[in-house]
mmCIF file of all heavy atoms, coordinates in Angstrom:
data_MODEL
# 
_entry.id   MODEL 
# 
loop_
_atom_site.group_PDB 
_atom_site.id 
_atom_site.type_symbol 
_atom_site.label_atom_id 
_atom_site.label_alt_id 
_atom_site.label_comp_id 
_atom_site.label_asym_id 
_atom_site.label_entity_id 
_atom_site.label_seq_id 
_atom_site.pdbx_PDB_ins_code 
_atom_site.Cartn_x 
_atom_site.Cartn_y 
_atom_site.Cartn_z 
_atom_site.occupancy 
_atom_site.B_iso_or_equiv 
_atom_site.pdbx_formal_charge 
_atom_site.auth_seq_id 
_atom_site.auth_comp_id 
_atom_site.auth_asym_id 
_atom_site.auth_atom_id 
_atom_site.pdbx_PDB_model_num 
ATOM 1   N N   . THR A 1 1  ? 95.085  102.006 107.010 1.00 0.00 ? 1  THR A N   1 
ATOM 2   C CA  . THR A 1 1  ? 94.524  101.476 108.234 1.00 0.00 ? 1  THR A CA  1 
ATOM 3   C C   . THR A 1 1  ? 95.379  101.909 109.411 1.00 0.00 ? 1  THR A C   1 
ATOM 4   O O   . THR A 1 1  ? 96.594  101.706 109.405 1.00 0.00 ? 1  THR A O   1 
ATOM 5   C CB  . THR A 1 1  ? 94.446  99.940  108.205 1.00 0.00 ? 1  THR A CB  1 
ATOM 6   O OG1 . THR A 1 1  ? 93.682  99.509  107.073 1.00 0.00 ? 1  THR A OG1 1 
ATOM 7   C CG2 . THR A 1 1  ? 93.788  99.423  109.478 1.00 0.00 ? 1  THR A CG2 1 
ATOM 8   N N   . ILE A 1 2  ? 94.741  102.508 110.409 1.00 0.00 ? 2  ILE A N   1 
ATOM 9   C CA  . ILE A 1 2  ? 95.458  102.909 111.606 1.00 0.00 ? 2  ILE A CA  1 
ATOM 10  C C   . ILE A 1 2  ? 95.110  101.940 112.729 1.00 0.00 ? 2  ILE A C   1 
ATOM 11  O O   . ILE A 1 2  ? 93.963  101.505 112.874 1.00 0.00 ? 2  ILE A O   1 
ATOM 12  C CB  . ILE A 1 2  ? 95.148  104.366 112.002 1.00 0.00 ? 2  ILE A CB  1 
ATOM 13  C CG1 . ILE A 1 2  ? 96.109  104.840 113.091 1.00 0.00 ? 2  ILE A CG1 1 
ATOM 14  C CG2 . ILE A 1 2  ? 93.698  104.541 112.425 1.00 0.00 ? 2  ILE A CG2 1 
ATOM 15  C CD1 . ILE A 1 2  ? 96.092  106.346 113.306 1.00 0.00 ? 2  ILE A CD1 1 
ATOM 16  N N   . SER A 1 3  ? 96.100  101.603 113.513 1.00 0.00 ? 3  SER A N   1 
ATOM 17  C CA  . SER A 1 3  ? 95.906  100.696 114.629 1.00 0.00 ? 3  SER A CA  1 
ATOM 18  C C   . SER A 1 3  ? 96.789  101.138 115.787 1.00 0.00 ? 3  SER A C   1 
ATOM 19  O O   . SER A 1 3  ? 97.656  102.001 115.634 1.00 0.00 ? 3  SER A O   1 
ATOM 20  C CB  . SER A 1 3  ? 96.217  99.253  114.230 1.00 0.00 ? 3  SER A CB  1 
ATOM 21  O OG  . SER A 1 3  ? 97.558  99.117  113.798 1.00 0.00 ? 3  SER A OG  1 
ATOM 22  N N   . ARG A 1 4  ? 96.561  100.545 116.927 1.00 0.00 ? 4  ARG A N   1 
ATOM 23  C CA  . ARG A 1 4  ? 97.333  100.936 118.100 1.00 0.00 ? 4  ARG A CA  1 
ATOM 24  C C   . ARG A 1 4  ? 97.742  99.719  118.912 1.00 0.00 ? 4  ARG A C   1 
ATOM 25  O O   . ARG A 1 4  ? 97.078  98.680  118.891 1.00 0.00 ? 4  ARG A O   1 
ATOM 26  C CB  . ARG A 1 4  ? 96.528  101.902 118.973 1.00 0.00 ? 4  ARG A CB  1 
ATOM 27  C CG  . ARG A 1 4  ? 95.289  101.290 119.606 1.00 0.00 ? 4  ARG A CG  1 
ATOM 28  C CD  . ARG A 1 4  ? 94.438  102.350 120.290 1.00 0.00 ? 4  ARG A CD  1 
ATOM 29  N NE  . ARG A 1 4  ? 93.258  101.753 120.913 1.00 0.00 ? 4  ARG A NE  1 
ATOM 30  C CZ  . ARG A 1 4  ? 93.126  101.525 122.205 1.00 0.00 ? 4  ARG A CZ  1 
ATOM 31  N NH1 . ARG A 1 4  ? 94.102  101.868 123.042 1.00 0.00 ? 4  ARG A NH1 1 
ATOM 32  N NH2 . ARG A 1 4  ? 92.019  100.981 122.678 1.00 0.00 ? 4  ARG A NH2 1 
ATOM 33  N N   . ASP A 1 5  ? 98.838  99.872  119.614 1.00 0.00 ? 5  ASP A N   1 
ATOM 34  C CA  . ASP A 1 5  ? 99.316  98.901  120.578 1.00 0.00 ? 5  ASP A CA  1 
ATOM 35  C C   . ASP A 1 5  ? 99.374  99.640  121.899 1.00 0.00 ? 5  ASP A C   1 
ATOM 36  O O   . ASP A 1 5  ? 100.327 100.372 122.171 1.00 0.00 ? 5  ASP A O   1 
ATOM 37  C CB  . ASP A 1 5  ? 100.681 98.357  120.180 1.00 0.00 ? 5  ASP A CB  1 
ATOM 38  C CG  . ASP A 1 5  ? 101.172 97.264  121.104 1.00 0.00 ? 5  ASP A CG  1 
ATOM 39  O OD1 . ASP A 1 5  ? 100.729 97.206  122.268 1.00 0.00 ? 5  ASP A OD1 1 
ATOM 40  O OD2 . ASP A 1 5  ? 102.010 96.455  120.665 1.00 0.00 ? 5  ASP A OD2 1 
ATOM 41  N N   . SER A 1 6  ? 98.353  99.466  122.713 1.00 0.00 ? 6  SER A N   1 
ATOM 42  C CA  . SER A 1 6  ? 98.243  100.223 123.953 1.00 0.00 ? 6  SER A CA  1 
ATOM 43  C C   . SER A 1 6  ? 99.405  99.949  124.900 1.00 0.00 ? 6  SER A C   1 
ATOM 44  O O   . SER A 1 6  ? 99.884  100.852 125.583 1.00 0.00 ? 6  SER A O   1 
ATOM 45  C CB  . SER A 1 6  ? 96.918  99.903  124.639 1.00 0.00 ? 6  SER A CB  1 
ATOM 46  O OG  . SER A 1 6  ? 95.820  100.290 123.840 1.00 0.00 ? 6  SER A OG  1 
ATOM 47  N N   . ALA A 1 7  ? 99.849  98.709  124.949 1.00 0.00 ? 7  ALA A N   1 
ATOM 48  C CA  . ALA A 1 7  ? 100.927 98.344  125.859 1.00 0.00 ? 7  ALA A CA  1 
ATOM 49  C C   . ALA A 1 7  ? 102.219 99.070  125.519 1.00 0.00 ? 7  ALA A C   1 
ATOM 50  O O   . ALA A 1 7  ? 103.017 99.385  126.406 1.00 0.00 ? 7  ALA A O   1 
ATOM 51  C CB  . ALA A 1 7  ? 101.144 96.841  125.849 1.00 0.00 ? 7  ALA A CB  1 
ATOM 52  N N   . LYS A 1 8  ? 102.434 99.345  124.251 1.00 0.00 ? 8  LYS A N   1 
ATOM 53  C CA  . LYS A 1 8  ? 103.655 100.005 123.802 1.00 0.00 ? 8  LYS A CA  1 
ATOM 54  C C   . LYS A 1 8  ? 103.451 101.473 123.459 1.00 0.00 ? 8  LYS A C   1 
ATOM 55  O O   . LYS A 1 8  ? 104.396 102.129 123.017 1.00 0.00 ? 8  LYS A O   1 
ATOM 56  C CB  . LYS A 1 8  ? 104.229 99.274  122.592 1.00 0.00 ? 8  LYS A CB  1 
ATOM 57  C CG  . LYS A 1 8  ? 104.630 97.835  122.873 1.00 0.00 ? 8  LYS A CG  1 
ATOM 58  C CD  . LYS A 1 8  ? 105.218 97.173  121.638 1.00 0.00 ? 8  LYS A CD  1 
ATOM 59  C CE  . LYS A 1 8  ? 105.644 95.750  121.932 1.00 0.00 ? 8  LYS A CE  1 
ATOM 60  N NZ  . LYS A 1 8  ? 106.230 95.083  120.738 1.00 0.00 ? 8  LYS A NZ  1 
ATOM 61  N N   . ASN A 1 9  ? 102.240 101.983 123.656 1.00 0.00 ? 9  ASN A N   1 
ATOM 62  C CA  . ASN A 1 9  ? 101.914 103.371 123.322 1.00 0.00 ? 9  ASN A CA  1 
ATOM 63  C C   . ASN A 1 9  ? 102.345 103.706 121.901 1.00 0.00 ? 9  ASN A C   1 
ATOM 64  O O   . ASN A 1 9  ? 102.975 104.743 121.650 1.00 0.00 ? 9  ASN A O   1 
ATOM 65  C CB  . ASN A 1 9  ? 102.551 104.327 124.327 1.00 0.00 ? 9  ASN A CB  1 
ATOM 66  C CG  . ASN A 1 9  ? 102.034 104.121 125.732 1.00 0.00 ? 9  ASN A CG  1 
ATOM 67  O OD1 . ASN A 1 9  ? 100.826 104.053 125.942 1.00 0.00 ? 9  ASN A OD1 1 
ATOM 68  N ND2 . ASN A 1 9  ? 102.940 104.020 126.688 1.00 0.00 ? 9  ASN A ND2 1 
ATOM 69  N N   . THR A 1 10 ? 101.993 102.838 121.002 1.00 0.00 ? 10 THR A N   1 
ATOM 70  C CA  . THR A 1 10 ? 102.416 102.961 119.619 1.00 0.00 ? 10 THR A CA  1 
ATOM 71  C C   . THR A 1 10 ? 101.209 102.904 118.689 1.00 0.00 ? 10 THR A C   1 
ATOM 72  O O   . THR A 1 10 ? 100.287 102.117 118.908 1.00 0.00 ? 10 THR A O   1 
ATOM 73  C CB  . THR A 1 10 ? 103.393 101.840 119.248 1.00 0.00 ? 10 THR A CB  1 
ATOM 74  O OG1 . THR A 1 10 ? 104.553 101.925 120.082 1.00 0.00 ? 10 THR A OG1 1 
ATOM 75  C CG2 . THR A 1 10 ? 103.821 101.943 117.794 1.00 0.00 ? 10 THR A CG2 1 
ATOM 76  N N   . VAL A 1 11 ? 101.228 103.743 117.672 1.00 0.00 ? 11 VAL A N   1 
ATOM 77  C CA  . VAL A 1 11 ? 100.232 103.674 116.609 1.00 0.00 ? 11 VAL A CA  1 
ATOM 78  C C   . VAL A 1 11 ? 100.939 103.360 115.307 1.00 0.00 ? 11 VAL A C   1 
ATOM 79  O O   . VAL A 1 11 ? 102.071 103.784 115.080 1.00 0.00 ? 11 VAL A O   1 
ATOM 80  C CB  . VAL A 1 11 ? 99.401  104.965 116.480 1.00 0.00 ? 11 VAL A CB  1 
ATOM 81  C CG1 . VAL A 1 11 ? 98.557  105.188 117.722 1.00 0.00 ? 11 VAL A CG1 1 
ATOM 82  C CG2 . VAL A 1 11 ? 100.296 106.164 116.209 1.00 0.00 ? 11 VAL A CG2 1 
ATOM 83  N N   . THR A 1 12 ? 100.249 102.617 114.472 1.00 0.00 ? 12 THR A N   1 
ATOM 84  C CA  . THR A 1 12 ? 100.786 102.203 113.194 1.00 0.00 ? 12 THR A CA  1 
ATOM 85  C C   . THR A 1 12 ? 99.819  102.586 112.092 1.00 0.00 ? 12 THR A C   1 
ATOM 86  O O   . THR A 1 12 ? 98.612  102.391 112.223 1.00 0.00 ? 12 THR A O   1 
ATOM 87  C CB  . THR A 1 12 ? 101.031 100.686 113.166 1.00 0.00 ? 12 THR A CB  1 
ATOM 88  O OG1 . THR A 1 12 ? 101.989 100.331 114.159 1.00 0.00 ? 12 THR A OG1 1 
ATOM 89  C CG2 . THR A 1 12 ? 101.526 100.240 111.801 1.00 0.00 ? 12 THR A CG2 1 
ATOM 90  N N   . LEU A 1 13 ? 100.351 103.137 111.029 1.00 0.00 ? 13 LEU A N   1 
ATOM 91  C CA  . LEU A 1 13 ? 99.557  103.462 109.855 1.00 0.00 ? 13 LEU A CA  1 
ATOM 92  C C   . LEU A 1 13 ? 100.015 102.578 108.714 1.00 0.00 ? 13 LEU A C   1 
ATOM 93  O O   . LEU A 1 13 ? 101.114 102.760 108.186 1.00 0.00 ? 13 LEU A O   1 
ATOM 94  C CB  . LEU A 1 13 ? 99.702  104.937 109.484 1.00 0.00 ? 13 LEU A CB  1 
ATOM 95  C CG  . LEU A 1 13 ? 98.837  105.411 108.315 1.00 0.00 ? 13 LEU A CG  1 
ATOM 96  C CD1 . LEU A 1 13 ? 97.358  105.373 108.695 1.00 0.00 ? 13 LEU A CD1 1 
ATOM 97  C CD2 . LEU A 1 13 ? 99.235  106.819 107.882 1.00 0.00 ? 13 LEU A CD2 1 
ATOM 98  N N   . GLN A 1 14 ? 99.185  101.615 108.364 1.00 0.00 ? 14 GLN A N   1 
ATOM 99  C CA  . GLN A 1 14 ? 99.451  100.756 107.227 1.00 0.00 ? 14 GLN A CA  1 
ATOM 100 C C   . GLN A 1 14 ? 98.895  101.427 105.983 1.00 0.00 ? 14 GLN A C   1 
ATOM 101 O O   . GLN A 1 14 ? 97.692  101.665 105.894 1.00 0.00 ? 14 GLN A O   1 
ATOM 102 C CB  . GLN A 1 14 ? 98.818  99.382  107.429 1.00 0.00 ? 14 GLN A CB  1 
ATOM 103 C CG  . GLN A 1 14 ? 98.998  98.423  106.261 1.00 0.00 ? 14 GLN A CG  1 
ATOM 104 C CD  . GLN A 1 14 ? 100.436 98.019  106.047 1.00 0.00 ? 14 GLN A CD  1 
ATOM 105 O OE1 . GLN A 1 14 ? 101.156 97.785  107.006 1.00 0.00 ? 14 GLN A OE1 1 
ATOM 106 N NE2 . GLN A 1 14 ? 100.852 97.947  104.796 1.00 0.00 ? 14 GLN A NE2 1 
ATOM 107 N N   . MET A 1 15 ? 99.759  101.713 105.033 1.00 0.00 ? 15 MET A N   1 
ATOM 108 C CA  . MET A 1 15 ? 99.379  102.418 103.820 1.00 0.00 ? 15 MET A CA  1 
ATOM 109 C C   . MET A 1 15 ? 99.525  101.471 102.641 1.00 0.00 ? 15 MET A C   1 
ATOM 110 O O   . MET A 1 15 ? 100.639 101.078 102.284 1.00 0.00 ? 15 MET A O   1 
ATOM 111 C CB  . MET A 1 15 ? 100.234 103.670 103.622 1.00 0.00 ? 15 MET A CB  1 
ATOM 112 C CG  . MET A 1 15 ? 100.194 104.625 104.812 1.00 0.00 ? 15 MET A CG  1 
ATOM 113 S SD  . MET A 1 15 ? 101.069 106.183 104.500 1.00 0.00 ? 15 MET A SD  1 
ATOM 114 C CE  . MET A 1 15 ? 102.748 105.570 104.348 1.00 0.00 ? 15 MET A CE  1 
ATOM 115 N N   . ASP A 1 16 ? 98.406  101.119 102.046 1.00 0.00 ? 16 ASP A N   1 
ATOM 116 C CA  . ASP A 1 16 ? 98.373  100.234 100.896 1.00 0.00 ? 16 ASP A CA  1 
ATOM 117 C C   . ASP A 1 16 ? 97.839  100.980 99.680  1.00 0.00 ? 16 ASP A C   1 
ATOM 118 O O   . ASP A 1 16 ? 97.242  102.045 99.797  1.00 0.00 ? 16 ASP A O   1 
ATOM 119 C CB  . ASP A 1 16 ? 97.499  99.006  101.175 1.00 0.00 ? 16 ASP A CB  1 
ATOM 120 C CG  . ASP A 1 16 ? 98.008  98.147  102.304 1.00 0.00 ? 16 ASP A CG  1 
ATOM 121 O OD1 . ASP A 1 16 ? 99.233  97.959  102.414 1.00 0.00 ? 16 ASP A OD1 1 
ATOM 122 O OD2 . ASP A 1 16 ? 97.165  97.646  103.091 1.00 0.00 ? 16 ASP A OD2 1 
ATOM 123 N N   . SER A 1 17 ? 98.051  100.394 98.523  1.00 0.00 ? 17 SER A N   1 
ATOM 124 C CA  . SER A 1 17 ? 97.589  100.995 97.272  1.00 0.00 ? 17 SER A CA  1 
ATOM 125 C C   . SER A 1 17 ? 98.005  102.453 97.170  1.00 0.00 ? 17 SER A C   1 
ATOM 126 O O   . SER A 1 17 ? 97.207  103.337 96.839  1.00 0.00 ? 17 SER A O   1 
ATOM 127 C CB  . SER A 1 17 ? 96.065  100.864 97.152  1.00 0.00 ? 17 SER A CB  1 
ATOM 128 O OG  . SER A 1 17 ? 95.657  99.513  97.201  1.00 0.00 ? 17 SER A OG  1 
ATOM 129 N N   . LEU A 1 18 ? 99.257  102.704 97.438  1.00 0.00 ? 18 LEU A N   1 
ATOM 130 C CA  . LEU A 1 18 ? 99.755  104.074 97.472  1.00 0.00 ? 18 LEU A CA  1 
ATOM 131 C C   . LEU A 1 18 ? 99.665  104.737 96.106  1.00 0.00 ? 18 LEU A C   1 
ATOM 132 O O   . LEU A 1 18 ? 99.839  104.099 95.065  1.00 0.00 ? 18 LEU A O   1 
ATOM 133 C CB  . LEU A 1 18 ? 101.190 104.094 97.973  1.00 0.00 ? 18 LEU A CB  1 
ATOM 134 C CG  . LEU A 1 18 ? 101.351 103.907 99.482  1.00 0.00 ? 18 LEU A CG  1 
ATOM 135 C CD1 . LEU A 1 18 ? 102.788 103.542 99.822  1.00 0.00 ? 18 LEU A CD1 1 
ATOM 136 C CD2 . LEU A 1 18 ? 100.933 105.171 100.220 1.00 0.00 ? 18 LEU A CD2 1 
ATOM 137 N N   . LYS A 1 19 ? 99.400  106.030 96.152  1.00 0.00 ? 19 LYS A N   1 
ATOM 138 C CA  . LYS A 1 19 ? 99.292  106.847 94.959  1.00 0.00 ? 19 LYS A CA  1 
ATOM 139 C C   . LYS A 1 19 ? 100.316 107.976 95.020  1.00 0.00 ? 19 LYS A C   1 
ATOM 140 O O   . LYS A 1 19 ? 100.723 108.384 96.103  1.00 0.00 ? 19 LYS A O   1 
ATOM 141 C CB  . LYS A 1 19 ? 97.888  107.449 94.849  1.00 0.00 ? 19 LYS A CB  1 
ATOM 142 C CG  . LYS A 1 19 ? 96.757  106.439 94.844  1.00 0.00 ? 19 LYS A CG  1 
ATOM 143 C CD  . LYS A 1 19 ? 95.405  107.146 94.835  1.00 0.00 ? 19 LYS A CD  1 
ATOM 144 C CE  . LYS A 1 19 ? 94.264  106.160 94.837  1.00 0.00 ? 19 LYS A CE  1 
ATOM 145 N NZ  . LYS A 1 19 ? 92.943  106.850 94.847  1.00 0.00 ? 19 LYS A NZ  1 
ATOM 146 N N   . PRO A 1 20 ? 100.715 108.501 93.871  1.00 0.00 ? 20 PRO A N   1 
ATOM 147 C CA  . PRO A 1 20 ? 101.657 109.624 93.891  1.00 0.00 ? 20 PRO A CA  1 
ATOM 148 C C   . PRO A 1 20 ? 101.173 110.794 94.740  1.00 0.00 ? 20 PRO A C   1 
ATOM 149 O O   . PRO A 1 20 ? 101.996 111.470 95.368  1.00 0.00 ? 20 PRO A O   1 
ATOM 150 C CB  . PRO A 1 20 ? 101.770 110.012 92.412  1.00 0.00 ? 20 PRO A CB  1 
ATOM 151 C CG  . PRO A 1 20 ? 101.525 108.730 91.684  1.00 0.00 ? 20 PRO A CG  1 
ATOM 152 C CD  . PRO A 1 20 ? 100.471 108.022 92.492  1.00 0.00 ? 20 PRO A CD  1 
ATOM 153 N N   . GLU A 1 21 ? 99.870  111.023 94.784  1.00 0.00 ? 21 GLU A N   1 
ATOM 154 C CA  . GLU A 1 21 ? 99.349  112.123 95.577  1.00 0.00 ? 21 GLU A CA  1 
ATOM 155 C C   . GLU A 1 21 ? 99.459  111.898 97.077  1.00 0.00 ? 21 GLU A C   1 
ATOM 156 O O   . GLU A 1 21 ? 99.186  112.809 97.861  1.00 0.00 ? 21 GLU A O   1 
ATOM 157 C CB  . GLU A 1 21 ? 97.892  112.436 95.201  1.00 0.00 ? 21 GLU A CB  1 
ATOM 158 C CG  . GLU A 1 21 ? 96.981  111.222 95.201  1.00 0.00 ? 21 GLU A CG  1 
ATOM 159 C CD  . GLU A 1 21 ? 96.778  110.633 93.816  1.00 0.00 ? 21 GLU A CD  1 
ATOM 160 O OE1 . GLU A 1 21 ? 97.771  110.514 93.071  1.00 0.00 ? 21 GLU A OE1 1 
ATOM 161 O OE2 . GLU A 1 21 ? 95.627  110.303 93.466  1.00 0.00 ? 21 GLU A OE2 1 
ATOM 162 N N   . ASP A 1 22 ? 99.846  110.693 97.487  1.00 0.00 ? 22 ASP A N   1 
ATOM 163 C CA  . ASP A 1 22 ? 100.124 110.446 98.889  1.00 0.00 ? 22 ASP A CA  1 
ATOM 164 C C   . ASP A 1 22 ? 101.494 110.971 99.303  1.00 0.00 ? 22 ASP A C   1 
ATOM 165 O O   . ASP A 1 22 ? 101.812 110.976 100.496 1.00 0.00 ? 22 ASP A O   1 
ATOM 166 C CB  . ASP A 1 22 ? 100.048 108.946 99.199  1.00 0.00 ? 22 ASP A CB  1 
ATOM 167 C CG  . ASP A 1 22 ? 98.651  108.377 99.038  1.00 0.00 ? 22 ASP A CG  1 
ATOM 168 O OD1 . ASP A 1 22 ? 97.682  109.047 99.453  1.00 0.00 ? 22 ASP A OD1 1 
ATOM 169 O OD2 . ASP A 1 22 ? 98.528  107.262 98.502  1.00 0.00 ? 22 ASP A OD2 1 
ATOM 170 N N   . THR A 1 23 ? 102.288 111.377 98.350  1.00 0.00 ? 23 THR A N   1 
ATOM 171 C CA  . THR A 1 23 ? 103.606 111.922 98.652  1.00 0.00 ? 23 THR A CA  1 
ATOM 172 C C   . THR A 1 23 ? 103.474 113.154 99.533  1.00 0.00 ? 23 THR A C   1 
ATOM 173 O O   . THR A 1 23 ? 102.767 114.105 99.194  1.00 0.00 ? 23 THR A O   1 
ATOM 174 C CB  . THR A 1 23 ? 104.345 112.280 97.360  1.00 0.00 ? 23 THR A CB  1 
ATOM 175 O OG1 . THR A 1 23 ? 104.580 111.090 96.597  1.00 0.00 ? 23 THR A OG1 1 
ATOM 176 C CG2 . THR A 1 23 ? 105.685 112.937 97.666  1.00 0.00 ? 23 THR A CG2 1 
ATOM 177 N N   . ALA A 1 24 ? 104.147 113.127 100.663 1.00 0.00 ? 24 ALA A N   1 
ATOM 178 C CA  . ALA A 1 24 ? 104.053 114.222 101.624 1.00 0.00 ? 24 ALA A CA  1 
ATOM 179 C C   . ALA A 1 24 ? 104.992 113.939 102.780 1.00 0.00 ? 24 ALA A C   1 
ATOM 180 O O   . ALA A 1 24 ? 105.555 112.846 102.899 1.00 0.00 ? 24 ALA A O   1 
ATOM 181 C CB  . ALA A 1 24 ? 102.620 114.369 102.143 1.00 0.00 ? 24 ALA A CB  1 
ATOM 182 N N   . VAL A 1 25 ? 105.145 114.937 103.620 1.00 0.00 ? 25 VAL A N   1 
ATOM 183 C CA  . VAL A 1 25 ? 105.762 114.728 104.915 1.00 0.00 ? 25 VAL A CA  1 
ATOM 184 C C   . VAL A 1 25 ? 104.649 114.353 105.885 1.00 0.00 ? 25 VAL A C   1 
ATOM 185 O O   . VAL A 1 25 ? 103.650 115.064 105.999 1.00 0.00 ? 25 VAL A O   1 
ATOM 186 C CB  . VAL A 1 25 ? 106.515 115.972 105.412 1.00 0.00 ? 25 VAL A CB  1 
ATOM 187 C CG1 . VAL A 1 25 ? 107.081 115.726 106.806 1.00 0.00 ? 25 VAL A CG1 1 
ATOM 188 C CG2 . VAL A 1 25 ? 107.626 116.336 104.438 1.00 0.00 ? 25 VAL A CG2 1 
# 
């Protein structure tokens, strides 16, 4: 899930149910 905080110019990526194939830079 991606979300944003406009006041702080910040985006957050919440990563749940992670899988080995999510391994990356």
